[in-house]
Amino acid sequence: MTANNGLYEVELVATTKSNGTVLRAPTNEAGLVPFCKDTCYGDLKLKIWEHTKSHQRGKVILDVSSDSAALEVGGGPWYNTWKKQSSSPSLLRQLLGIPLDVEEIFNPLPIVKPPGL
């Protein structure tokens, strides 16, 4: 899965060799029924790049992975691949583009700082 907002590009890749376990999921038609297959043995890779002025991938700013990702590996009604595009109001896009040092925000009140930040 990839996403791009002009300033950054994100790539999320999830794979697994596990067949998964059937789980019950809520449905409109039949209530809680066996409907999807999930696994907690997924490999997940996340990369984020800054974009150059020519809108090409530039500096990698995050490159992380996990070998214990929870993934959905089967079920319906989404049996084919899909591609979607989203849009945001201009003001929201501008706000999301503001550089923000979240760690600095919590430094005056370390008691409310989320774990791992």
C-alpha atoms as a PDB file:
ATOM      1  CA  MET A   1       0.000   0.000   0.000  1.00  0.00           C
ATOM      2  CA  THR A   2       1.337   3.429  -0.845  1.00  0.00           C
ATOM      3  CA  ALA A   3       0.240   6.990  -0.151  1.00  0.00           C
ATOM      4  CA  ASN A   4       1.588  10.293  -1.372  1.00  0.00           C
ATOM      5  CA  ASN A   5       0.659  13.837  -0.405  1.00  0.00           C
ATOM      6  CA  GLY A   6       3.237  15.687  -2.505  1.00  0.00           C
ATOM      7  CA  LEU A   7       5.534  16.295   0.471  1.00  0.00           C
ATOM      8  CA  TYR A   8       5.954  12.705   1.635  1.00  0.00           C
ATOM      9  CA  GLU A   9       5.494   9.197   0.311  1.00  0.00           C
ATOM     10  CA  VAL A  10       4.600   6.228   2.506  1.00  0.00           C
ATOM     11  CA  GLU A  11       4.931   2.550   1.623  1.00  0.00           C
ATOM     12  CA  LEU A  12       3.457  -0.188   3.790  1.00  0.00           C
ATOM     13  CA  VAL A  13       4.184  -3.807   2.831  1.00  0.00           C
ATOM     14  CA  ALA A  14       2.641  -6.718   4.741  1.00  0.00           C
ATOM     15  CA  THR A  15       3.368 -10.393   4.033  1.00  0.00           C
ATOM     16  CA  THR A  16       2.941 -13.693   5.820  1.00  0.00           C
ATOM     17  CA  LYS A  17       3.386 -17.425   5.262  1.00  0.00           C
ATOM     18  CA  SER A  18       0.626 -18.163   7.772  1.00  0.00           C
ATOM     19  CA  ASN A  19      -2.774 -19.394   6.590  1.00  0.00           C
ATOM     20  CA  GLY A  20      -4.386 -17.557   9.484  1.00  0.00           C
ATOM     21  CA  THR A  21      -7.214 -18.482  11.833  1.00  0.00           C
ATOM     22  CA  VAL A  22     -10.909 -18.098  11.063  1.00  0.00           C
ATOM     23  CA  LEU A  23     -12.467 -15.388  13.218  1.00  0.00           C
ATOM     24  CA  ARG A  24     -16.045 -14.350  13.821  1.00  0.00           C
ATOM     25  CA  ALA A  25     -16.972 -10.902  12.545  1.00  0.00           C
ATOM     26  CA  PRO A  26     -20.192  -8.892  12.729  1.00  0.00           C
ATOM     27  CA  THR A  27     -22.354  -8.918   9.599  1.00  0.00           C
ATOM     28  CA  ASN A  28     -25.604  -7.132   8.741  1.00  0.00           C
ATOM     29  CA  GLU A  29     -27.203 -10.341   7.508  1.00  0.00           C
ATOM     30  CA  ALA A  30     -26.300 -12.999  10.062  1.00  0.00           C
ATOM     31  CA  GLY A  31     -24.811 -11.287  13.103  1.00  0.00           C
ATOM     32  CA  LEU A  32     -21.507 -12.618  14.447  1.00  0.00           C
ATOM     33  CA  VAL A  33     -20.337 -15.384  12.089  1.00  0.00           C
ATOM     34  CA  PRO A  34     -17.049 -16.951  10.888  1.00  0.00           C
ATOM     35  CA  PHE A  35     -16.172 -14.428   8.220  1.00  0.00           C
ATOM     36  CA  CYS A  36     -12.481 -13.538   8.051  1.00  0.00           C
ATOM     37  CA  LYS A  37      -9.058 -15.071   8.618  1.00  0.00           C
ATOM     38  CA  ASP A  38      -6.364 -13.290  10.614  1.00  0.00           C
ATOM     39  CA  THR A  39      -2.820 -14.004  11.703  1.00  0.00           C
ATOM     40  CA  CYS A  40      -0.411 -12.447  14.194  1.00  0.00           C
ATOM     41  CA  TYR A  41       2.598 -13.860  12.317  1.00  0.00           C
ATOM     42  CA  GLY A  42       2.880 -11.154   9.682  1.00  0.00           C
ATOM     43  CA  ASP A  43       5.942  -9.292   8.484  1.00  0.00           C
ATOM     44  CA  LEU A  44       5.295  -5.571   8.166  1.00  0.00           C
ATOM     45  CA  LYS A  45       7.598  -2.960   6.632  1.00  0.00           C
ATOM     46  CA  LEU A  46       6.939   0.784   6.754  1.00  0.00           C
ATOM     47  CA  LYS A  47       9.002   3.356   4.854  1.00  0.00           C
ATOM     48  CA  ILE A  48       8.503   7.106   4.617  1.00  0.00           C
ATOM     49  CA  TRP A  49      10.377   9.361   2.209  1.00  0.00           C
ATOM     50  CA  GLU A  50      10.523  13.124   1.897  1.00  0.00           C
ATOM     51  CA  HIS A  51       9.822  14.262  -1.630  1.00  0.00           C
ATOM     52  CA  THR A  52      12.300  16.341  -3.574  1.00  0.00           C
ATOM     53  CA  LYS A  53      11.231  19.560  -5.292  1.00  0.00           C
ATOM     54  CA  SER A  54      10.751  17.480  -8.461  1.00  0.00           C
ATOM     55  CA  HIS A  55       8.333  15.207  -6.544  1.00  0.00           C
ATOM     56  CA  GLN A  56      10.691  12.208  -6.551  1.00  0.00           C
ATOM     57  CA  ARG A  57      11.559  10.054  -3.541  1.00  0.00           C
ATOM     58  CA  GLY A  58      14.234  11.851  -1.567  1.00  0.00           C
ATOM     59  CA  LYS A  59      15.651  11.198   1.894  1.00  0.00           C
ATOM     60  CA  VAL A  60      14.277   8.203   3.817  1.00  0.00           C
ATOM     61  CA  ILE A  61      12.965   9.558   7.118  1.00  0.00           C
ATOM     62  CA  LEU A  62      11.571   6.305   8.534  1.00  0.00           C
ATOM     63  CA  ASP A  63      12.375   2.660   7.765  1.00  0.00           C
ATOM     64  CA  VAL A  64      10.944   0.223  10.322  1.00  0.00           C
ATOM     65  CA  SER A  65       9.700  -3.359  10.364  1.00  0.00           C
ATOM     66  CA  SER A  66       7.983  -5.913  12.579  1.00  0.00           C
ATOM     67  CA  ASP A  67       7.803  -9.697  12.429  1.00  0.00           C
ATOM     68  CA  SER A  68       4.708  -9.903  14.643  1.00  0.00           C
ATOM     69  CA  ALA A  69       2.136  -7.894  12.714  1.00  0.00           C
ATOM     70  CA  ALA A  70      -1.567  -8.718  12.916  1.00  0.00           C
ATOM     71  CA  LEU A  71      -2.896  -9.157   9.375  1.00  0.00           C
ATOM     72  CA  GLU A  72      -6.151 -10.156   7.771  1.00  0.00           C
ATOM     73  CA  VAL A  73      -5.355 -12.957   5.313  1.00  0.00           C
ATOM     74  CA  GLY A  74      -8.763 -13.995   4.050  1.00  0.00           C
ATOM     75  CA  GLY A  75     -12.481 -13.495   4.053  1.00  0.00           C
ATOM     76  CA  GLY A  76     -14.893 -11.339   2.158  1.00  0.00           C
ATOM     77  CA  PRO A  77     -16.534  -9.502   0.596  1.00  0.00           C
ATOM     78  CA  TRP A  78     -13.272  -8.007  -0.752  1.00  0.00           C
ATOM     79  CA  TYR A  79     -11.945 -10.778  -2.965  1.00  0.00           C
ATOM     80  CA  ASN A  80     -10.104  -8.595  -5.497  1.00  0.00           C
ATOM     81  CA  THR A  81      -7.457  -5.908  -5.218  1.00  0.00           C
ATOM     82  CA  TRP A  82      -8.678  -2.344  -5.028  1.00  0.00           C
ATOM     83  CA  LYS A  83      -7.303   1.119  -5.574  1.00  0.00           C
ATOM     84  CA  LYS A  84      -8.778   4.263  -4.075  1.00  0.00           C
ATOM     85  CA  GLN A  85      -7.857   7.914  -3.958  1.00  0.00           C
ATOM     86  CA  SER A  86      -8.790  10.302  -1.181  1.00  0.00           C
ATOM     87  CA  SER A  87      -8.981  14.049  -0.965  1.00  0.00           C
ATOM     88  CA  SER A  88      -8.975  16.519   1.910  1.00  0.00           C
ATOM     89  CA  PRO A  89     -10.221  20.080   2.241  1.00  0.00           C
ATOM     90  CA  SER A  90      -7.500  22.657   1.542  1.00  0.00           C
ATOM     91  CA  LEU A  91      -7.376  23.963   5.128  1.00  0.00           C
ATOM     92  CA  LEU A  92      -6.947  20.446   6.528  1.00  0.00           C
ATOM     93  CA  ARG A  93      -4.150  19.696   4.019  1.00  0.00           C
ATOM     94  CA  GLN A  94      -2.366  22.871   5.121  1.00  0.00           C
ATOM     95  CA  LEU A  95      -2.717  21.967   8.806  1.00  0.00           C
ATOM     96  CA  LEU A  96      -1.443  18.431   8.206  1.00  0.00           C
ATOM     97  CA  GLY A  97       1.610  19.864   6.435  1.00  0.00           C
ATOM     98  CA  ILE A  98       2.731  21.940   9.441  1.00  0.00           C
ATOM     99  CA  PRO A  99       5.991  20.580  10.904  1.00  0.00           C
ATOM    100  CA  LEU A 100       5.193  19.477  14.426  1.00  0.00           C
ATOM    101  CA  ASP A 101       7.592  18.160  17.079  1.00  0.00           C
ATOM    102  CA  VAL A 102       5.212  16.031  19.145  1.00  0.00           C
ATOM    103  CA  GLU A 103       7.920  15.114  21.657  1.00  0.00           C
ATOM    104  CA  GLU A 104       8.496  18.822  22.416  1.00  0.00           C
ATOM    105  CA  ILE A 105       4.795  19.258  23.148  1.00  0.00           C
ATOM    106  CA  PHE A 106       4.943  16.667  25.939  1.00  0.00           C
ATOM    107  CA  ASN A 107       8.295  17.726  27.482  1.00  0.00           C
ATOM    108  CA  PRO A 108       6.722  20.219  29.954  1.00  0.00           C
ATOM    109  CA  LEU A 109       4.293  17.514  31.167  1.00  0.00           C
ATOM    110  CA  PRO A 110       6.209  14.196  31.072  1.00  0.00           C
ATOM    111  CA  ILE A 111       3.510  12.485  33.159  1.00  0.00           C
ATOM    112  CA  VAL A 112       1.091  12.614  30.170  1.00  0.00           C
ATOM    113  CA  LYS A 113       3.714  11.666  27.556  1.00  0.00           C
ATOM    114  CA  PRO A 114       2.634   8.498  25.699  1.00  0.00           C
ATOM    115  CA  PRO A 115       4.922   5.471  26.195  1.00  0.00           C
ATOM    116  CA  GLY A 116       7.507   5.108  23.441  1.00  0.00           C
ATOM    117  CA  LEU A 117       7.443   8.765  22.405  1.00  0.00           C
END
